[in-house]
Amino acid sequence: MFFKKTETKTYDKENEKPVIKCSICNGEQVAGFQNIHTGAFKEVMLIRTRGNLSSFMKEYGITGDIEKIY
């Protein structure tokens, strides 16, 4: 049997913060990282369930609440 090794991915913690970008039109949510200097958003994963959000947070070692942007 083969098991997928889960590695913690990294992001630039000095210049980026994890956010969830929410659409006001259709409610779609996308997890990613926003540059704190420019406001540019880098999309990482579509969030459809709490499980998706948990996976994103675990994958990148994120704890606590994640800000939502619109």
PDB file of N, CA and C in Angstrom:
ATOM      1  N   MET A   1       0.817  -1.176   0.000  1.00  0.00           N
ATOM      2  CA  MET A   1       0.000   0.000   0.000  1.00  0.00           C
ATOM      3  C   MET A   1       0.869   1.250   0.000  1.00  0.00           C
ATOM      4  N   PHE A   2       0.392   2.251  -0.699  1.00  0.00           N
ATOM      5  CA  PHE A   2       1.106   3.525  -0.752  1.00  0.00           C
ATOM      6  C   PHE A   2       0.286   4.582  -0.034  1.00  0.00           C
ATOM      7  N   PHE A   3       0.965   5.383   0.755  1.00  0.00           N
ATOM      8  CA  PHE A   3       0.303   6.476   1.455  1.00  0.00           C
ATOM      9  C   PHE A   3       0.875   7.779   0.958  1.00  0.00           C
ATOM     10  N   LYS A   4      -0.004   8.732   0.738  1.00  0.00           N
ATOM     11  CA  LYS A   4       0.432  10.051   0.302  1.00  0.00           C
ATOM     12  C   LYS A   4       1.025  10.795   1.492  1.00  0.00           C
ATOM     13  N   LYS A   5       2.268  11.178   1.366  1.00  0.00           N
ATOM     14  CA  LYS A   5       2.927  11.909   2.440  1.00  0.00           C
ATOM     15  C   LYS A   5       2.462  13.364   2.387  1.00  0.00           C
ATOM     16  N   THR A   6       1.963  13.835   3.500  1.00  0.00           N
ATOM     17  CA  THR A   6       1.491  15.216   3.532  1.00  0.00           C
ATOM     18  C   THR A   6       2.615  16.107   4.053  1.00  0.00           C
ATOM     19  N   GLU A   7       3.071  16.957   3.193  1.00  0.00           N
ATOM     20  CA  GLU A   7       4.110  17.906   3.567  1.00  0.00           C
ATOM     21  C   GLU A   7       3.469  19.267   3.794  1.00  0.00           C
ATOM     22  N   THR A   8       3.986  19.990   4.761  1.00  0.00           N
ATOM     23  CA  THR A   8       3.496  21.335   4.991  1.00  0.00           C
ATOM     24  C   THR A   8       4.120  22.241   3.948  1.00  0.00           C
ATOM     25  N   LYS A   9       3.272  22.870   3.156  1.00  0.00           N
ATOM     26  CA  LYS A   9       3.750  23.812   2.154  1.00  0.00           C
ATOM     27  C   LYS A   9       4.021  25.139   2.836  1.00  0.00           C
ATOM     28  N   THR A  10       4.772  25.982   2.187  1.00  0.00           N
ATOM     29  CA  THR A  10       5.103  27.266   2.788  1.00  0.00           C
ATOM     30  C   THR A  10       4.609  28.412   1.912  1.00  0.00           C
ATOM     31  N   TYR A  11       4.543  29.566   2.532  1.00  0.00           N
ATOM     32  CA  TYR A  11       4.227  30.801   1.822  1.00  0.00           C
ATOM     33  C   TYR A  11       5.046  31.903   2.462  1.00  0.00           C
ATOM     34  N   ASP A  12       5.146  33.039   1.806  1.00  0.00           N
ATOM     35  CA  ASP A  12       5.954  34.155   2.275  1.00  0.00           C
ATOM     36  C   ASP A  12       5.215  34.884   3.399  1.00  0.00           C
ATOM     37  N   LYS A  13       5.480  34.499   4.639  1.00  0.00           N
ATOM     38  CA  LYS A  13       4.757  35.049   5.792  1.00  0.00           C
ATOM     39  C   LYS A  13       5.052  36.519   6.042  1.00  0.00           C
ATOM     40  N   GLU A  14       6.169  37.015   5.546  1.00  0.00           N
ATOM     41  CA  GLU A  14       6.515  38.433   5.725  1.00  0.00           C
ATOM     42  C   GLU A  14       5.734  39.323   4.767  1.00  0.00           C
ATOM     43  N   ASN A  15       5.372  38.781   3.590  1.00  0.00           N
ATOM     44  CA  ASN A  15       4.736  39.605   2.570  1.00  0.00           C
ATOM     45  C   ASN A  15       3.328  39.163   2.192  1.00  0.00           C
ATOM     46  N   GLU A  16       2.892  38.008   2.684  1.00  0.00           N
ATOM     47  CA  GLU A  16       1.574  37.494   2.326  1.00  0.00           C
ATOM     48  C   GLU A  16       0.808  37.069   3.570  1.00  0.00           C
ATOM     49  N   LYS A  17      -0.523  37.137   3.467  1.00  0.00           N
ATOM     50  CA  LYS A  17      -1.374  36.645   4.543  1.00  0.00           C
ATOM     51  C   LYS A  17      -2.441  35.747   3.928  1.00  0.00           C
ATOM     52  N   PRO A  18      -2.826  34.677   4.649  1.00  0.00           N
ATOM     53  CA  PRO A  18      -3.870  33.796   4.121  1.00  0.00           C
ATOM     54  C   PRO A  18      -5.229  34.484   4.200  1.00  0.00           C
ATOM     55  N   VAL A  19      -6.005  34.380   3.135  1.00  0.00           N
ATOM     56  CA  VAL A  19      -7.347  34.964   3.089  1.00  0.00           C
ATOM     57  C   VAL A  19      -8.280  34.038   2.320  1.00  0.00           C
ATOM     58  N   ILE A  20      -9.572  34.271   2.499  1.00  0.00           N
ATOM     59  CA  ILE A  20     -10.586  33.596   1.699  1.00  0.00           C
ATOM     60  C   ILE A  20     -11.291  34.682   0.907  1.00  0.00           C
ATOM     61  N   LYS A  21     -11.230  34.570  -0.395  1.00  0.00           N
ATOM     62  CA  LYS A  21     -11.874  35.551  -1.269  1.00  0.00           C
ATOM     63  C   LYS A  21     -13.275  35.040  -1.584  1.00  0.00           C
ATOM     64  N   CYS A  22     -14.284  35.836  -1.216  1.00  0.00           N
ATOM     65  CA  CYS A  22     -15.682  35.445  -1.373  1.00  0.00           C
ATOM     66  C   CYS A  22     -16.352  36.295  -2.447  1.00  0.00           C
ATOM     67  N   SER A  23     -17.121  35.643  -3.286  1.00  0.00           N
ATOM     68  CA  SER A  23     -17.889  36.347  -4.303  1.00  0.00           C
ATOM     69  C   SER A  23     -19.205  36.801  -3.700  1.00  0.00           C
ATOM     70  N   ILE A  24     -19.558  38.071  -3.896  1.00  0.00           N
ATOM     71  CA  ILE A  24     -20.840  38.556  -3.379  1.00  0.00           C
ATOM     72  C   ILE A  24     -21.986  38.142  -4.298  1.00  0.00           C
ATOM     73  N   CYS A  25     -21.672  37.729  -5.521  1.00  0.00           N
ATOM     74  CA  CYS A  25     -22.713  37.340  -6.474  1.00  0.00           C
ATOM     75  C   CYS A  25     -23.202  35.908  -6.262  1.00  0.00           C
ATOM     76  N   ASN A  26     -22.265  34.967  -6.223  1.00  0.00           N
ATOM     77  CA  ASN A  26     -22.673  33.564  -6.169  1.00  0.00           C
ATOM     78  C   ASN A  26     -22.200  32.821  -4.916  1.00  0.00           C
ATOM     79  N   GLY A  27     -21.514  33.485  -4.015  1.00  0.00           N
ATOM     80  CA  GLY A  27     -21.078  32.858  -2.775  1.00  0.00           C
ATOM     81  C   GLY A  27     -19.854  31.976  -2.893  1.00  0.00           C
ATOM     82  N   GLU A  28     -19.258  31.913  -4.078  1.00  0.00           N
ATOM     83  CA  GLU A  28     -18.061  31.090  -4.265  1.00  0.00           C
ATOM     84  C   GLU A  28     -16.932  31.589  -3.363  1.00  0.00           C
ATOM     85  N   GLN A  29     -16.176  30.658  -2.783  1.00  0.00           N
ATOM     86  CA  GLN A  29     -15.072  31.007  -1.901  1.00  0.00           C
ATOM     87  C   GLN A  29     -13.789  30.353  -2.408  1.00  0.00           C
ATOM     88  N   VAL A  30     -12.726  31.141  -2.422  1.00  0.00           N
ATOM     89  CA  VAL A  30     -11.424  30.662  -2.875  1.00  0.00           C
ATOM     90  C   VAL A  30     -10.395  31.016  -1.812  1.00  0.00           C
ATOM     91  N   ALA A  31      -9.629  30.020  -1.378  1.00  0.00           N
ATOM     92  CA  ALA A  31      -8.565  30.254  -0.404  1.00  0.00           C
ATOM     93  C   ALA A  31      -7.285  30.590  -1.152  1.00  0.00           C
ATOM     94  N   GLY A  32      -6.506  31.474  -0.560  1.00  0.00           N
ATOM     95  CA  GLY A  32      -5.245  31.854  -1.173  1.00  0.00           C
ATOM     96  C   GLY A  32      -4.496  32.820  -0.287  1.00  0.00           C
ATOM     97  N   PHE A  33      -3.598  33.557  -0.909  1.00  0.00           N
ATOM     98  CA  PHE A  33      -2.753  34.482  -0.165  1.00  0.00           C
ATOM     99  C   PHE A  33      -2.800  35.861  -0.806  1.00  0.00           C
ATOM    100  N   GLN A  34      -2.883  36.879   0.053  1.00  0.00           N
ATOM    101  CA  GLN A  34      -2.934  38.262  -0.408  1.00  0.00           C
ATOM    102  C   GLN A  34      -1.639  38.954  -0.017  1.00  0.00           C
ATOM    103  N   ASN A  35      -1.027  39.619  -0.975  1.00  0.00           N
ATOM    104  CA  ASN A  35       0.181  40.390  -0.711  1.00  0.00           C
ATOM    105  C   ASN A  35      -0.204  41.583   0.149  1.00  0.00           C
ATOM    106  N   ILE A  36       0.460  41.747   1.290  1.00  0.00           N
ATOM    107  CA  ILE A  36       0.086  42.817   2.212  1.00  0.00           C
ATOM    108  C   ILE A  36       0.523  44.195   1.730  1.00  0.00           C
ATOM    109  N   HIS A  37       1.399  44.241   0.747  1.00  0.00           N
ATOM    110  CA  HIS A  37       1.870  45.527   0.220  1.00  0.00           C
ATOM    111  C   HIS A  37       1.068  45.986  -0.994  1.00  0.00           C
ATOM    112  N   THR A  38       0.765  45.055  -1.899  1.00  0.00           N
ATOM    113  CA  THR A  38       0.098  45.422  -3.144  1.00  0.00           C
ATOM    114  C   THR A  38      -1.384  45.060  -3.174  1.00  0.00           C
ATOM    115  N   GLY A  39      -1.798  44.140  -2.295  1.00  0.00           N
ATOM    116  CA  GLY A  39      -3.185  43.682  -2.297  1.00  0.00           C
ATOM    117  C   GLY A  39      -3.459  42.607  -3.328  1.00  0.00           C
ATOM    118  N   ALA A  40      -2.450  42.196  -4.084  1.00  0.00           N
ATOM    119  CA  ALA A  40      -2.623  41.163  -5.109  1.00  0.00           C
ATOM    120  C   ALA A  40      -2.986  39.841  -4.439  1.00  0.00           C
ATOM    121  N   PHE A  41      -3.922  39.115  -5.050  1.00  0.00           N
ATOM    122  CA  PHE A  41      -4.399  37.850  -4.506  1.00  0.00           C
ATOM    123  C   PHE A  41      -3.874  36.702  -5.345  1.00  0.00           C
ATOM    124  N   LYS A  42      -3.325  35.689  -4.672  1.00  0.00           N
ATOM    125  CA  LYS A  42      -2.831  34.479  -5.347  1.00  0.00           C
ATOM    126  C   LYS A  42      -3.754  33.330  -4.945  1.00  0.00           C
ATOM    127  N   GLU A  43      -4.507  32.811  -5.919  1.00  0.00           N
ATOM    128  CA  GLU A  43      -5.482  31.750  -5.692  1.00  0.00           C
ATOM    129  C   GLU A  43      -4.785  30.409  -5.489  1.00  0.00           C
ATOM    130  N   VAL A  44      -5.244  29.634  -4.487  1.00  0.00           N
ATOM    131  CA  VAL A  44      -4.656  28.329  -4.221  1.00  0.00           C
ATOM    132  C   VAL A  44      -5.681  27.210  -4.369  1.00  0.00           C
ATOM    133  N   MET A  45      -6.875  27.370  -3.775  1.00  0.00           N
ATOM    134  CA  MET A  45      -7.830  26.269  -3.802  1.00  0.00           C
ATOM    135  C   MET A  45      -9.257  26.755  -3.634  1.00  0.00           C
ATOM    136  N   LEU A  46     -10.178  26.114  -4.342  1.00  0.00           N
ATOM    137  CA  LEU A  46     -11.601  26.396  -4.221  1.00  0.00           C
ATOM    138  C   LEU A  46     -12.116  25.770  -2.931  1.00  0.00           C
ATOM    139  N   ILE A  47     -12.896  26.528  -2.178  1.00  0.00           N
ATOM    140  CA  ILE A  47     -13.450  26.046  -0.914  1.00  0.00           C
ATOM    141  C   ILE A  47     -14.932  25.765  -1.109  1.00  0.00           C
ATOM    142  N   ARG A  48     -15.299  24.484  -1.031  1.00  0.00           N
ATOM    143  CA  ARG A  48     -16.713  24.107  -1.160  1.00  0.00           C
ATOM    144  C   ARG A  48     -17.280  23.591   0.156  1.00  0.00           C
ATOM    145  N   THR A  49     -16.398  23.034   0.998  1.00  0.00           N
ATOM    146  CA  THR A  49     -16.847  22.466   2.273  1.00  0.00           C
ATOM    147  C   THR A  49     -15.880  22.878   3.378  1.00  0.00           C
ATOM    148  N   ARG A  50     -16.274  22.647   4.617  1.00  0.00           N
ATOM    149  CA  ARG A  50     -15.374  22.906   5.755  1.00  0.00           C
ATOM    150  C   ARG A  50     -14.131  22.026   5.642  1.00  0.00           C
ATOM    151  N   GLY A  51     -14.296  20.839   5.074  1.00  0.00           N
ATOM    152  CA  GLY A  51     -13.169  19.940   4.879  1.00  0.00           C
ATOM    153  C   GLY A  51     -12.122  20.537   3.964  1.00  0.00           C
ATOM    154  N   ASN A  52     -12.563  21.236   2.901  1.00  0.00           N
ATOM    155  CA  ASN A  52     -11.621  21.903   2.001  1.00  0.00           C
ATOM    156  C   ASN A  52     -10.834  22.965   2.751  1.00  0.00           C
ATOM    157  N   LEU A  53     -11.527  23.734   3.587  1.00  0.00           N
ATOM    158  CA  LEU A  53     -10.861  24.781   4.360  1.00  0.00           C
ATOM    159  C   LEU A  53      -9.867  24.169   5.342  1.00  0.00           C
ATOM    160  N   SER A  54     -10.276  23.098   6.000  1.00  0.00           N
ATOM    161  CA  SER A  54      -9.375  22.415   6.940  1.00  0.00           C
ATOM    162  C   SER A  54      -8.133  21.894   6.220  1.00  0.00           C
ATOM    163  N   SER A  55      -8.318  21.335   5.029  1.00  0.00           N
ATOM    164  CA  SER A  55      -7.186  20.833   4.248  1.00  0.00           C
ATOM    165  C   SER A  55      -6.218  21.953   3.890  1.00  0.00           C
ATOM    166  N   PHE A  56      -6.767  23.091   3.463  1.00  0.00           N
ATOM    167  CA  PHE A  56      -5.937  24.243   3.117  1.00  0.00           C
ATOM    168  C   PHE A  56      -5.120  24.696   4.320  1.00  0.00           C
ATOM    169  N   MET A  57      -5.784  24.816   5.461  1.00  0.00           N
ATOM    170  CA  MET A  57      -5.106  25.287   6.666  1.00  0.00           C
ATOM    171  C   MET A  57      -4.029  24.290   7.118  1.00  0.00           C
ATOM    172  N   LYS A  58      -4.335  23.016   7.064  1.00  0.00           N
ATOM    173  CA  LYS A  58      -3.377  21.981   7.466  1.00  0.00           C
ATOM    174  C   LYS A  58      -2.184  21.943   6.509  1.00  0.00           C
ATOM    175  N   GLU A  59      -2.484  22.059   5.212  1.00  0.00           N
ATOM    176  CA  GLU A  59      -1.449  22.009   4.180  1.00  0.00           C
ATOM    177  C   GLU A  59      -0.398  23.107   4.354  1.00  0.00           C
ATOM    178  N   TYR A  60      -0.844  24.289   4.783  1.00  0.00           N
ATOM    179  CA  TYR A  60       0.060  25.428   4.921  1.00  0.00           C
ATOM    180  C   TYR A  60       0.404  25.750   6.375  1.00  0.00           C
ATOM    181  N   GLY A  61      -0.047  24.935   7.314  1.00  0.00           N
ATOM    182  CA  GLY A  61       0.274  25.152   8.720  1.00  0.00           C
ATOM    183  C   GLY A  61      -0.343  26.411   9.293  1.00  0.00           C
ATOM    184  N   ILE A  62      -1.557  26.722   8.873  1.00  0.00           N
ATOM    185  CA  ILE A  62      -2.246  27.936   9.307  1.00  0.00           C
ATOM    186  C   ILE A  62      -3.114  27.611  10.518  1.00  0.00           C
ATOM    187  N   THR A  63      -3.012  28.448  11.545  1.00  0.00           N
ATOM    188  CA  THR A  63      -3.859  28.285  12.725  1.00  0.00           C
ATOM    189  C   THR A  63      -4.647  29.575  12.937  1.00  0.00           C
ATOM    190  N   GLY A  64      -5.745  29.466  13.647  1.00  0.00           N
ATOM    191  CA  GLY A  64      -6.552  30.650  13.922  1.00  0.00           C
ATOM    192  C   GLY A  64      -7.539  30.932  12.807  1.00  0.00           C
ATOM    193  N   ASP A  65      -8.103  32.128  12.846  1.00  0.00           N
ATOM    194  CA  ASP A  65      -9.095  32.538  11.855  1.00  0.00           C
ATOM    195  C   ASP A  65      -8.427  33.093  10.607  1.00  0.00           C
ATOM    196  N   ILE A  66      -9.110  32.931   9.488  1.00  0.00           N
ATOM    197  CA  ILE A  66      -8.646  33.481   8.217  1.00  0.00           C
ATOM    198  C   ILE A  66      -9.600  34.586   7.804  1.00  0.00           C
ATOM    199  N   GLU A  67      -9.048  35.720   7.445  1.00  0.00           N
ATOM    200  CA  GLU A  67      -9.845  36.874   7.031  1.00  0.00           C
ATOM    201  C   GLU A  67     -10.548  36.586   5.708  1.00  0.00           C
ATOM    202  N   LYS A  68     -11.772  37.081   5.586  1.00  0.00           N
ATOM    203  CA  LYS A  68     -12.507  36.991   4.318  1.00  0.00           C
ATOM    204  C   LYS A  68     -12.470  38.339   3.624  1.00  0.00           C
ATOM    205  N   ILE A  69     -12.214  38.305   2.327  1.00  0.00           N
ATOM    206  CA  ILE A  69     -12.220  39.530   1.525  1.00  0.00           C
ATOM    207  C   ILE A  69     -13.273  39.363   0.442  1.00  0.00           C
ATOM    208  N   TYR A  70     -13.825  40.495  -0.033  1.00  0.00           N
ATOM    209  CA  TYR A  70     -14.887  40.449  -1.035  1.00  0.00           C
ATOM    210  C   TYR A  70     -14.499  41.214  -2.274  1.00  0.00           C
TER     211      TYR A  70
END
